[in-house]
């Protein structure tokens, strides 16, 4: 963003789901590309710099299994492309881990 650009002129997106990004407090913010998403979709993106992840299943997202999902590479993880339309439509919030730590 040019220094003289009015923030009101920036594009804003409304995402179909809310996103919480968890970053370790010791991670360098300059190494992350997620910060720009918070600028473009401020109503849907939350960035937490913590090692303690708060409860994500809240009344706002319902108590239905699958309304809050964690995107994380694991052997037992479900591939997004293998999910049914019904499963995808249940998702209200996505939690991402943005880090170089294992």
PDB file of N, CA and C in Angstrom:
ATOM      1  N   UNK A   1       0.850  -1.167   0.000  1.00  0.00           N
ATOM      2  CA  UNK A   1       0.000   0.000   0.000  1.00  0.00           C
ATOM      3  C   UNK A   1       0.893   1.226   0.000  1.00  0.00           C
ATOM      4  N   UNK A   2       0.695   2.126  -0.920  1.00  0.00           N
ATOM      5  CA  UNK A   2       1.455   3.368  -0.907  1.00  0.00           C
ATOM      6  C   UNK A   2       1.178   4.131   0.380  1.00  0.00           C
ATOM      7  N   UNK A   3       2.160   4.847   0.856  1.00  0.00           N
ATOM      8  CA  UNK A   3       2.032   5.562   2.119  1.00  0.00           C
ATOM      9  C   UNK A   3       0.890   6.566   2.109  1.00  0.00           C
ATOM     10  N   UNK A   4       0.558   7.109   0.954  1.00  0.00           N
ATOM     11  CA  UNK A   4      -0.486   8.120   0.904  1.00  0.00           C
ATOM     12  C   UNK A   4      -1.862   7.553   0.550  1.00  0.00           C
ATOM     13  N   UNK A   5      -2.012   6.236   0.455  1.00  0.00           N
ATOM     14  CA  UNK A   5      -3.292   5.640   0.083  1.00  0.00           C
ATOM     15  C   UNK A   5      -4.228   5.604   1.283  1.00  0.00           C
ATOM     16  N   UNK A   6      -5.446   6.018   1.070  1.00  0.00           N
ATOM     17  CA  UNK A   6      -6.465   6.012   2.108  1.00  0.00           C
ATOM     18  C   UNK A   6      -6.904   4.569   2.356  1.00  0.00           C
ATOM     19  N   UNK A   7      -6.853   4.088   3.623  1.00  0.00           N
ATOM     20  CA  UNK A   7      -7.274   2.705   3.911  1.00  0.00           C
ATOM     21  C   UNK A   7      -8.709   2.409   3.484  1.00  0.00           C
ATOM     22  N   UNK A   8      -9.558   3.429   3.398  1.00  0.00           N
ATOM     23  CA  UNK A   8     -10.942   3.223   2.971  1.00  0.00           C
ATOM     24  C   UNK A   8     -11.025   2.817   1.505  1.00  0.00           C
ATOM     25  N   UNK A   9      -9.968   3.052   0.748  1.00  0.00           N
ATOM     26  CA  UNK A   9      -9.944   2.720  -0.670  1.00  0.00           C
ATOM     27  C   UNK A   9      -9.462   1.290  -0.936  1.00  0.00           C
ATOM     28  N   UNK A  10      -8.989   0.610   0.082  1.00  0.00           N
ATOM     29  CA  UNK A  10      -8.506  -0.758  -0.089  1.00  0.00           C
ATOM     30  C   UNK A  10      -9.674  -1.694  -0.361  1.00  0.00           C
ATOM     31  N   UNK A  11      -9.457  -2.724  -1.168  1.00  0.00           N
ATOM     32  CA  UNK A  11     -10.531  -3.698  -1.397  1.00  0.00           C
ATOM     33  C   UNK A  11     -10.826  -4.448  -0.104  1.00  0.00           C
ATOM     34  N   UNK A  12     -12.086  -4.785   0.113  1.00  0.00           N
ATOM     35  CA  UNK A  12     -12.491  -5.560   1.280  1.00  0.00           C
ATOM     36  C   UNK A  12     -13.290  -6.760   0.803  1.00  0.00           C
ATOM     37  N   UNK A  13     -12.985  -7.889   1.391  1.00  0.00           N
ATOM     38  CA  UNK A  13     -13.676  -9.120   1.041  1.00  0.00           C
ATOM     39  C   UNK A  13     -14.518  -9.605   2.212  1.00  0.00           C
ATOM     40  N   UNK A  14     -15.625 -10.238   1.897  1.00  0.00           N
ATOM     41  CA  UNK A  14     -16.438 -10.932   2.885  1.00  0.00           C
ATOM     42  C   UNK A  14     -16.277 -12.412   2.569  1.00  0.00           C
ATOM     43  N   UNK A  15     -15.638 -13.136   3.465  1.00  0.00           N
ATOM     44  CA  UNK A  15     -15.395 -14.559   3.251  1.00  0.00           C
ATOM     45  C   UNK A  15     -16.606 -15.390   3.672  1.00  0.00           C
ATOM     46  N   UNK A  16     -16.800 -16.557   3.064  1.00  0.00           N
ATOM     47  CA  UNK A  16     -17.938 -17.413   3.434  1.00  0.00           C
ATOM     48  C   UNK A  16     -17.757 -18.099   4.786  1.00  0.00           C
ATOM     49  N   UNK A  17     -16.548 -18.057   5.344  1.00  0.00           N
ATOM     50  CA  UNK A  17     -16.261 -18.625   6.664  1.00  0.00           C
ATOM     51  C   UNK A  17     -15.346 -17.670   7.413  1.00  0.00           C
ATOM     52  N   UNK A  18     -15.330 -17.802   8.733  1.00  0.00           N
ATOM     53  CA  UNK A  18     -14.366 -17.061   9.538  1.00  0.00           C
ATOM     54  C   UNK A  18     -13.083 -17.880   9.599  1.00  0.00           C
ATOM     55  N   UNK A  19     -11.969 -17.191   9.761  1.00  0.00           N
ATOM     56  CA  UNK A  19     -10.670 -17.853   9.803  1.00  0.00           C
ATOM     57  C   UNK A  19      -9.902 -17.353  11.018  1.00  0.00           C
ATOM     58  N   UNK A  20      -9.396 -18.288  11.819  1.00  0.00           N
ATOM     59  CA  UNK A  20      -8.499 -17.956  12.916  1.00  0.00           C
ATOM     60  C   UNK A  20      -7.137 -18.526  12.571  1.00  0.00           C
ATOM     61  N   UNK A  21      -6.135 -17.680  12.599  1.00  0.00           N
ATOM     62  CA  UNK A  21      -4.763 -18.085  12.311  1.00  0.00           C
ATOM     63  C   UNK A  21      -3.999 -18.059  13.630  1.00  0.00           C
ATOM     64  N   UNK A  22      -3.370 -19.176  13.977  1.00  0.00           N
ATOM     65  CA  UNK A  22      -2.608 -19.287  15.212  1.00  0.00           C
ATOM     66  C   UNK A  22      -1.129 -19.230  14.861  1.00  0.00           C
ATOM     67  N   UNK A  23      -0.452 -18.256  15.465  1.00  0.00           N
ATOM     68  CA  UNK A  23       0.988 -18.093  15.237  1.00  0.00           C
ATOM     69  C   UNK A  23       1.691 -18.113  16.590  1.00  0.00           C
ATOM     70  N   UNK A  24       2.839 -18.739  16.656  1.00  0.00           N
ATOM     71  CA  UNK A  24       3.627 -18.744  17.883  1.00  0.00           C
ATOM     72  C   UNK A  24       4.161 -17.335  18.125  1.00  0.00           C
ATOM     73  N   UNK A  25       4.133 -16.847  19.372  1.00  0.00           N
ATOM     74  CA  UNK A  25       4.592 -15.483  19.652  1.00  0.00           C
ATOM     75  C   UNK A  25       6.042 -15.209  19.241  1.00  0.00           C
ATOM     76  N   UNK A  26       6.861 -16.253  19.171  1.00  0.00           N
ATOM     77  CA  UNK A  26       8.268 -16.041  18.806  1.00  0.00           C
ATOM     78  C   UNK A  26       8.507 -16.047  17.302  1.00  0.00           C
ATOM     79  N   UNK A  27       7.468 -16.384  16.533  1.00  0.00           N
ATOM     80  CA  UNK A  27       7.603 -16.343  15.073  1.00  0.00           C
ATOM     81  C   UNK A  27       7.733 -14.892  14.623  1.00  0.00           C
ATOM     82  N   UNK A  28       8.572 -14.672  13.635  1.00  0.00           N
ATOM     83  CA  UNK A  28       8.741 -13.315  13.114  1.00  0.00           C
ATOM     84  C   UNK A  28       7.531 -12.949  12.273  1.00  0.00           C
ATOM     85  N   UNK A  29       6.916 -11.830  12.592  1.00  0.00           N
ATOM     86  CA  UNK A  29       5.741 -11.377  11.837  1.00  0.00           C
ATOM     87  C   UNK A  29       6.126 -11.046  10.403  1.00  0.00           C
ATOM     88  N   UNK A  30       7.348 -10.621  10.203  1.00  0.00           N
ATOM     89  CA  UNK A  30       7.789 -10.260   8.849  1.00  0.00           C
ATOM     90  C   UNK A  30       7.878 -11.481   7.934  1.00  0.00           C
ATOM     91  N   UNK A  31       7.920 -12.676   8.495  1.00  0.00           N
ATOM     92  CA  UNK A  31       8.001 -13.903   7.697  1.00  0.00           C
ATOM     93  C   UNK A  31       6.627 -14.415   7.269  1.00  0.00           C
ATOM     94  N   UNK A  32       5.566 -13.821   7.791  1.00  0.00           N
ATOM     95  CA  UNK A  32       4.223 -14.316   7.521  1.00  0.00           C
ATOM     96  C   UNK A  32       3.568 -13.572   6.364  1.00  0.00           C
ATOM     97  N   UNK A  33       2.872 -14.310   5.538  1.00  0.00           N
ATOM     98  CA  UNK A  33       2.112 -13.693   4.450  1.00  0.00           C
ATOM     99  C   UNK A  33       0.635 -13.577   4.812  1.00  0.00           C
ATOM    100  N   UNK A  34       0.264 -13.990   6.006  1.00  0.00           N
ATOM    101  CA  UNK A  34      -1.147 -13.989   6.411  1.00  0.00           C
ATOM    102  C   UNK A  34      -1.616 -12.594   6.831  1.00  0.00           C
ATOM    103  N   UNK A  35      -0.717 -11.719   7.200  1.00  0.00           N
ATOM    104  CA  UNK A  35      -1.089 -10.383   7.686  1.00  0.00           C
ATOM    105  C   UNK A  35      -1.933  -9.635   6.657  1.00  0.00           C
ATOM    106  N   UNK A  36      -1.591  -9.739   5.393  1.00  0.00           N
ATOM    107  CA  UNK A  36      -2.340  -9.022   4.358  1.00  0.00           C
ATOM    108  C   UNK A  36      -3.788  -9.498   4.271  1.00  0.00           C
ATOM    109  N   UNK A  37      -4.052 -10.737   4.612  1.00  0.00           N
ATOM    110  CA  UNK A  37      -5.430 -11.236   4.583  1.00  0.00           C
ATOM    111  C   UNK A  37      -6.289 -10.521   5.622  1.00  0.00           C
ATOM    112  N   UNK A  38      -5.699 -10.177   6.735  1.00  0.00           N
ATOM    113  CA  UNK A  38      -6.415  -9.449   7.800  1.00  0.00           C
ATOM    114  C   UNK A  38      -6.791  -8.052   7.320  1.00  0.00           C
ATOM    115  N   UNK A  39      -5.974  -7.464   6.473  1.00  0.00           N
ATOM    116  CA  UNK A  39      -6.252  -6.125   5.938  1.00  0.00           C
ATOM    117  C   UNK A  39      -7.402  -6.190   4.935  1.00  0.00           C
ATOM    118  N   UNK A  40      -7.418  -7.221   4.110  1.00  0.00           N
ATOM    119  CA  UNK A  40      -8.431  -7.332   3.056  1.00  0.00           C
ATOM    120  C   UNK A  40      -9.760  -7.882   3.583  1.00  0.00           C
ATOM    121  N   UNK A  41      -9.719  -8.772   4.569  1.00  0.00           N
ATOM    122  CA  UNK A  41     -10.957  -9.366   5.112  1.00  0.00           C
ATOM    123  C   UNK A  41     -10.978  -9.227   6.641  1.00  0.00           C
ATOM    124  N   UNK A  42     -10.985  -7.994   7.142  1.00  0.00           N
ATOM    125  CA  UNK A  42     -10.873  -7.798   8.593  1.00  0.00           C
ATOM    126  C   UNK A  42     -12.029  -8.359   9.409  1.00  0.00           C
ATOM    127  N   UNK A  43     -13.205  -8.488   8.800  1.00  0.00           N
ATOM    128  CA  UNK A  43     -14.355  -9.009   9.537  1.00  0.00           C
ATOM    129  C   UNK A  43     -14.323 -10.524   9.688  1.00  0.00           C
ATOM    130  N   UNK A  44     -13.482 -11.201   8.911  1.00  0.00           N
ATOM    131  CA  UNK A  44     -13.464 -12.662   8.929  1.00  0.00           C
ATOM    132  C   UNK A  44     -12.150 -13.276   9.385  1.00  0.00           C
ATOM    133  N   UNK A  45     -11.095 -12.481   9.470  1.00  0.00           N
ATOM    134  CA  UNK A  45      -9.778 -13.026   9.811  1.00  0.00           C
ATOM    135  C   UNK A  45      -9.372 -12.577  11.207  1.00  0.00           C
ATOM    136  N   UNK A  46      -8.967 -13.540  12.012  1.00  0.00           N
ATOM    137  CA  UNK A  46      -8.451 -13.275  13.355  1.00  0.00           C
ATOM    138  C   UNK A  46      -7.058 -13.894  13.410  1.00  0.00           C
ATOM    139  N   UNK A  47      -6.074 -13.143  13.867  1.00  0.00           N
ATOM    140  CA  UNK A  47      -4.716 -13.668  13.991  1.00  0.00           C
ATOM    141  C   UNK A  47      -4.347 -13.665  15.471  1.00  0.00           C
ATOM    142  N   UNK A  48      -4.036 -14.857  15.982  1.00  0.00           N
ATOM    143  CA  UNK A  48      -3.651 -15.007  17.386  1.00  0.00           C
ATOM    144  C   UNK A  48      -2.163 -15.304  17.464  1.00  0.00           C
ATOM    145  N   UNK A  49      -1.462 -14.587  18.307  1.00  0.00           N
ATOM    146  CA  UNK A  49      -0.036 -14.835  18.561  1.00  0.00           C
ATOM    147  C   UNK A  49       0.045 -15.458  19.951  1.00  0.00           C
ATOM    148  N   UNK A  50      -0.038 -16.791  19.982  1.00  0.00           N
ATOM    149  CA  UNK A  50      -0.157 -17.483  21.262  1.00  0.00           C
ATOM    150  C   UNK A  50       0.288 -18.934  21.152  1.00  0.00           C
ATOM    151  N   UNK A  51       0.548 -19.533  22.295  1.00  0.00           N
ATOM    152  CA  UNK A  51       0.770 -20.977  22.350  1.00  0.00           C
ATOM    153  C   UNK A  51      -0.453 -21.654  22.967  1.00  0.00           C
ATOM    154  N   UNK A  52      -1.339 -20.856  23.549  1.00  0.00           N
ATOM    155  CA  UNK A  52      -2.579 -21.343  24.150  1.00  0.00           C
ATOM    156  C   UNK A  52      -3.729 -21.016  23.208  1.00  0.00           C
ATOM    157  N   UNK A  53      -4.232 -22.011  22.522  1.00  0.00           N
ATOM    158  CA  UNK A  53      -5.326 -21.785  21.585  1.00  0.00           C
ATOM    159  C   UNK A  53      -6.639 -21.827  22.356  1.00  0.00           C
ATOM    160  N   UNK A  54      -7.402 -20.723  22.322  1.00  0.00           N
ATOM    161  CA  UNK A  54      -8.683 -20.717  23.044  1.00  0.00           C
ATOM    162  C   UNK A  54      -9.714 -21.616  22.367  1.00  0.00           C
ATOM    163  N   UNK A  55     -10.746 -21.947  23.103  1.00  0.00           N
ATOM    164  CA  UNK A  55     -11.845 -22.756  22.576  1.00  0.00           C
ATOM    165  C   UNK A  55     -12.406 -22.083  21.327  1.00  0.00           C
ATOM    166  N   UNK A  56     -12.562 -22.841  20.255  1.00  0.00           N
ATOM    167  CA  UNK A  56     -13.051 -22.290  18.995  1.00  0.00           C
ATOM    168  C   UNK A  56     -14.506 -22.648  18.725  1.00  0.00           C
ATOM    169  N   UNK A  57     -15.009 -23.676  19.370  1.00  0.00           N
ATOM    170  CA  UNK A  57     -16.399 -24.089  19.161  1.00  0.00           C
ATOM    171  C   UNK A  57     -17.264 -23.231  20.076  1.00  0.00           C
ATOM    172  N   UNK A  58     -17.932 -22.252  19.518  1.00  0.00           N
ATOM    173  CA  UNK A  58     -18.740 -21.335  20.316  1.00  0.00           C
ATOM    174  C   UNK A  58     -20.165 -21.313  19.799  1.00  0.00           C
ATOM    175  N   UNK A  59     -21.025 -20.621  20.524  1.00  0.00           N
ATOM    176  CA  UNK A  59     -22.423 -20.503  20.116  1.00  0.00           C
ATOM    177  C   UNK A  59     -22.541 -19.898  18.719  1.00  0.00           C
ATOM    178  N   UNK A  60     -21.649 -18.972  18.397  1.00  0.00           N
ATOM    179  CA  UNK A  60     -21.703 -18.301  17.092  1.00  0.00           C
ATOM    180  C   UNK A  60     -21.539 -19.285  15.944  1.00  0.00           C
ATOM    181  N   UNK A  61     -20.831 -20.385  16.180  1.00  0.00           N
ATOM    182  CA  UNK A  61     -20.565 -21.358  15.125  1.00  0.00           C
ATOM    183  C   UNK A  61     -21.375 -22.625  15.281  1.00  0.00           C
ATOM    184  N   UNK A  62     -22.192 -22.694  16.298  1.00  0.00           N
ATOM    185  CA  UNK A  62     -23.021 -23.870  16.513  1.00  0.00           C
ATOM    186  C   UNK A  62     -22.227 -25.002  17.119  1.00  0.00           C
ATOM    187  N   UNK A  63     -22.929 -25.980  17.616  1.00  0.00           N
ATOM    188  CA  UNK A  63     -22.244 -27.116  18.237  1.00  0.00           C
ATOM    189  C   UNK A  63     -22.233 -28.335  17.337  1.00  0.00           C
ATOM    190  N   UNK A  64     -22.619 -28.156  16.086  1.00  0.00           N
ATOM    191  CA  UNK A  64     -22.632 -29.268  15.144  1.00  0.00           C
ATOM    192  C   UNK A  64     -21.200 -29.683  14.807  1.00  0.00           C
ATOM    193  N   UNK A  65     -20.950 -30.997  14.855  1.00  0.00           N
ATOM    194  CA  UNK A  65     -19.622 -31.498  14.513  1.00  0.00           C
ATOM    195  C   UNK A  65     -19.257 -31.069  13.095  1.00  0.00           C
ATOM    196  N   UNK A  66     -18.075 -30.495  12.939  1.00  0.00           N
ATOM    197  CA  UNK A  66     -17.616 -30.091  11.622  1.00  0.00           C
ATOM    198  C   UNK A  66     -17.837 -28.619  11.310  1.00  0.00           C
ATOM    199  N   UNK A  67     -18.457 -27.863  12.236  1.00  0.00           N
ATOM    200  CA  UNK A  67     -18.668 -26.442  11.950  1.00  0.00           C
ATOM    201  C   UNK A  67     -17.380 -25.645  12.134  1.00  0.00           C
ATOM    202  N   UNK A  68     -16.460 -26.160  12.954  1.00  0.00           N
ATOM    203  CA  UNK A  68     -15.133 -25.562  13.125  1.00  0.00           C
ATOM    204  C   UNK A  68     -14.117 -26.637  12.767  1.00  0.00           C
ATOM    205  N   UNK A  69     -13.224 -26.322  11.820  1.00  0.00           N
ATOM    206  CA  UNK A  69     -12.242 -27.316  11.384  1.00  0.00           C
ATOM    207  C   UNK A  69     -10.830 -26.749  11.493  1.00  0.00           C
ATOM    208  N   UNK A  70      -9.885 -27.648  11.701  1.00  0.00           N
ATOM    209  CA  UNK A  70      -8.471 -27.304  11.727  1.00  0.00           C
ATOM    210  C   UNK A  70      -7.843 -27.789  10.434  1.00  0.00           C
ATOM    211  N   UNK A  71      -7.194 -26.886   9.721  1.00  0.00           N
ATOM    212  CA  UNK A  71      -6.463 -27.295   8.510  1.00  0.00           C
ATOM    213  C   UNK A  71      -5.024 -27.546   8.934  1.00  0.00           C
ATOM    214  N   UNK A  72      -4.636 -28.812   8.834  1.00  0.00           N
ATOM    215  CA  UNK A  72      -3.304 -29.209   9.292  1.00  0.00           C
ATOM    216  C   UNK A  72      -2.906 -30.469   8.543  1.00  0.00           C
ATOM    217  N   UNK A  73      -1.682 -30.507   8.027  1.00  0.00           N
ATOM    218  CA  UNK A  73      -1.257 -31.715   7.309  1.00  0.00           C
ATOM    219  C   UNK A  73      -0.998 -32.863   8.285  1.00  0.00           C
ATOM    220  N   UNK A  74      -1.741 -33.931   8.106  1.00  0.00           N
ATOM    221  CA  UNK A  74      -1.567 -35.121   8.940  1.00  0.00           C
ATOM    222  C   UNK A  74      -2.002 -36.333   8.129  1.00  0.00           C
ATOM    223  N   UNK A  75      -1.462 -37.482   8.454  1.00  0.00           N
ATOM    224  CA  UNK A  75      -1.804 -38.703   7.728  1.00  0.00           C
ATOM    225  C   UNK A  75      -3.301 -39.005   7.781  1.00  0.00           C
ATOM    226  N   UNK A  76      -3.933 -38.723   8.917  1.00  0.00           N
ATOM    227  CA  UNK A  76      -5.357 -39.040   9.075  1.00  0.00           C
ATOM    228  C   UNK A  76      -6.278 -37.884   8.691  1.00  0.00           C
ATOM    229  N   UNK A  77      -5.731 -36.806   8.183  1.00  0.00           N
ATOM    230  CA  UNK A  77      -6.540 -35.642   7.798  1.00  0.00           C
ATOM    231  C   UNK A  77      -7.392 -35.946   6.564  1.00  0.00           C
ATOM    232  N   UNK A  78      -8.547 -35.303   6.502  1.00  0.00           N
ATOM    233  CA  UNK A  78      -9.418 -35.423   5.326  1.00  0.00           C
ATOM    234  C   UNK A  78      -8.975 -34.408   4.281  1.00  0.00           C
ATOM    235  N   UNK A  79      -8.936 -34.836   3.043  1.00  0.00           N
ATOM    236  CA  UNK A  79      -8.630 -33.925   1.949  1.00  0.00           C
ATOM    237  C   UNK A  79      -9.868 -33.072   1.668  1.00  0.00           C
ATOM    238  N   UNK A  80      -9.679 -31.779   1.492  1.00  0.00           N
ATOM    239  CA  UNK A  80     -10.799 -30.895   1.188  1.00  0.00           C
ATOM    240  C   UNK A  80     -11.503 -31.359  -0.083  1.00  0.00           C
ATOM    241  N   UNK A  81     -10.736 -31.790  -1.053  1.00  0.00           N
ATOM    242  CA  UNK A  81     -11.322 -32.232  -2.324  1.00  0.00           C
ATOM    243  C   UNK A  81     -12.153 -33.504  -2.177  1.00  0.00           C
ATOM    244  N   UNK A  82     -11.973 -34.244  -1.086  1.00  0.00           N
ATOM    245  CA  UNK A  82     -12.735 -35.473  -0.861  1.00  0.00           C
ATOM    246  C   UNK A  82     -13.989 -35.227  -0.025  1.00  0.00           C
ATOM    247  N   UNK A  83     -14.161 -34.004   0.466  1.00  0.00           N
ATOM    248  CA  UNK A  83     -15.314 -33.693   1.306  1.00  0.00           C
ATOM    249  C   UNK A  83     -16.558 -33.501   0.446  1.00  0.00           C
ATOM    250  N   UNK A  84     -17.693 -33.892   0.999  1.00  0.00           N
ATOM    251  CA  UNK A  84     -18.949 -33.717   0.274  1.00  0.00           C
ATOM    252  C   UNK A  84     -19.401 -32.266   0.372  1.00  0.00           C
ATOM    253  N   UNK A  85     -20.320 -31.906  -0.497  1.00  0.00           N
ATOM    254  CA  UNK A  85     -20.879 -30.550  -0.476  1.00  0.00           C
ATOM    255  C   UNK A  85     -21.508 -30.255   0.900  1.00  0.00           C
ATOM    256  N   UNK A  86     -22.187 -31.246   1.478  1.00  0.00           N
ATOM    257  CA  UNK A  86     -22.823 -31.082   2.782  1.00  0.00           C
ATOM    258  C   UNK A  86     -21.781 -30.834   3.876  1.00  0.00           C
ATOM    259  N   UNK A  87     -20.683 -31.571   3.825  1.00  0.00           N
ATOM    260  CA  UNK A  87     -19.615 -31.373   4.811  1.00  0.00           C
ATOM    261  C   UNK A  87     -19.021 -29.975   4.686  1.00  0.00           C
ATOM    262  N   UNK A  88     -18.784 -29.537   3.470  1.00  0.00           N
ATOM    263  CA  UNK A  88     -18.213 -28.208   3.245  1.00  0.00           C
ATOM    264  C   UNK A  88     -19.168 -27.110   3.692  1.00  0.00           C
ATOM    265  N   UNK A  89     -20.446 -27.289   3.479  1.00  0.00           N
ATOM    266  CA  UNK A  89     -21.432 -26.274   3.859  1.00  0.00           C
ATOM    267  C   UNK A  89     -21.596 -26.163   5.374  1.00  0.00           C
ATOM    268  N   UNK A  90     -21.229 -27.208   6.119  1.00  0.00           N
ATOM    269  CA  UNK A  90     -21.292 -27.164   7.586  1.00  0.00           C
ATOM    270  C   UNK A  90     -20.204 -26.279   8.175  1.00  0.00           C
ATOM    271  N   UNK A  91     -19.110 -26.090   7.451  1.00  0.00           N
ATOM    272  CA  UNK A  91     -17.961 -25.359   7.981  1.00  0.00           C
ATOM    273  C   UNK A  91     -18.294 -23.879   8.127  1.00  0.00           C
ATOM    274  N   UNK A  92     -18.148 -23.396   9.349  1.00  0.00           N
ATOM    275  CA  UNK A  92     -18.391 -21.979   9.661  1.00  0.00           C
ATOM    276  C   UNK A  92     -17.088 -21.260  10.009  1.00  0.00           C
ATOM    277  N   UNK A  93     -16.107 -22.050  10.474  1.00  0.00           N
ATOM    278  CA  UNK A  93     -14.833 -21.462  10.889  1.00  0.00           C
ATOM    279  C   UNK A  93     -13.697 -22.421  10.568  1.00  0.00           C
ATOM    280  N   UNK A  94     -12.591 -21.853  10.055  1.00  0.00           N
ATOM    281  CA  UNK A  94     -11.394 -22.615   9.756  1.00  0.00           C
ATOM    282  C   UNK A  94     -10.264 -22.096  10.638  1.00  0.00           C
ATOM    283  N   UNK A  95      -9.541 -22.997  11.274  1.00  0.00           N
ATOM    284  CA  UNK A  95      -8.394 -22.648  12.102  1.00  0.00           C
ATOM    285  C   UNK A  95      -7.143 -23.097  11.352  1.00  0.00           C
ATOM    286  N   UNK A  96      -6.215 -22.168  11.165  1.00  0.00           N
ATOM    287  CA  UNK A  96      -4.958 -22.451  10.464  1.00  0.00           C
ATOM    288  C   UNK A  96      -3.792 -22.244  11.405  1.00  0.00           C
ATOM    289  N   UNK A  97      -2.737 -23.014  11.217  1.00  0.00           N
ATOM    290  CA  UNK A  97      -1.502 -22.808  11.965  1.00  0.00           C
ATOM    291  C   UNK A  97      -0.486 -22.241  10.982  1.00  0.00           C
ATOM    292  N   UNK A  98      -0.032 -21.033  11.264  1.00  0.00           N
ATOM    293  CA  UNK A  98       0.938 -20.344  10.405  1.00  0.00           C
ATOM    294  C   UNK A  98       2.251 -20.300  11.155  1.00  0.00           C
ATOM    295  N   UNK A  99       3.115 -21.271  10.855  1.00  0.00           N
ATOM    296  CA  UNK A  99       4.353 -21.341  11.608  1.00  0.00           C
ATOM    297  C   UNK A  99       5.368 -22.239  10.961  1.00  0.00           C
ATOM    298  N   UNK A 100       6.583 -22.063  11.393  1.00  0.00           N
ATOM    299  CA  UNK A 100       7.664 -22.939  10.940  1.00  0.00           C
ATOM    300  C   UNK A 100       7.950 -24.013  11.976  1.00  0.00           C
ATOM    301  N   UNK A 101       7.287 -23.965  13.125  1.00  0.00           N
ATOM    302  CA  UNK A 101       7.510 -24.960  14.174  1.00  0.00           C
ATOM    303  C   UNK A 101       6.681 -26.195  13.926  1.00  0.00           C
ATOM    304  N   UNK A 102       7.147 -27.334  14.455  1.00  0.00           N
ATOM    305  CA  UNK A 102       6.409 -28.574  14.227  1.00  0.00           C
ATOM    306  C   UNK A 102       5.475 -28.861  15.377  1.00  0.00           C
TER     307      UNK A 102
END
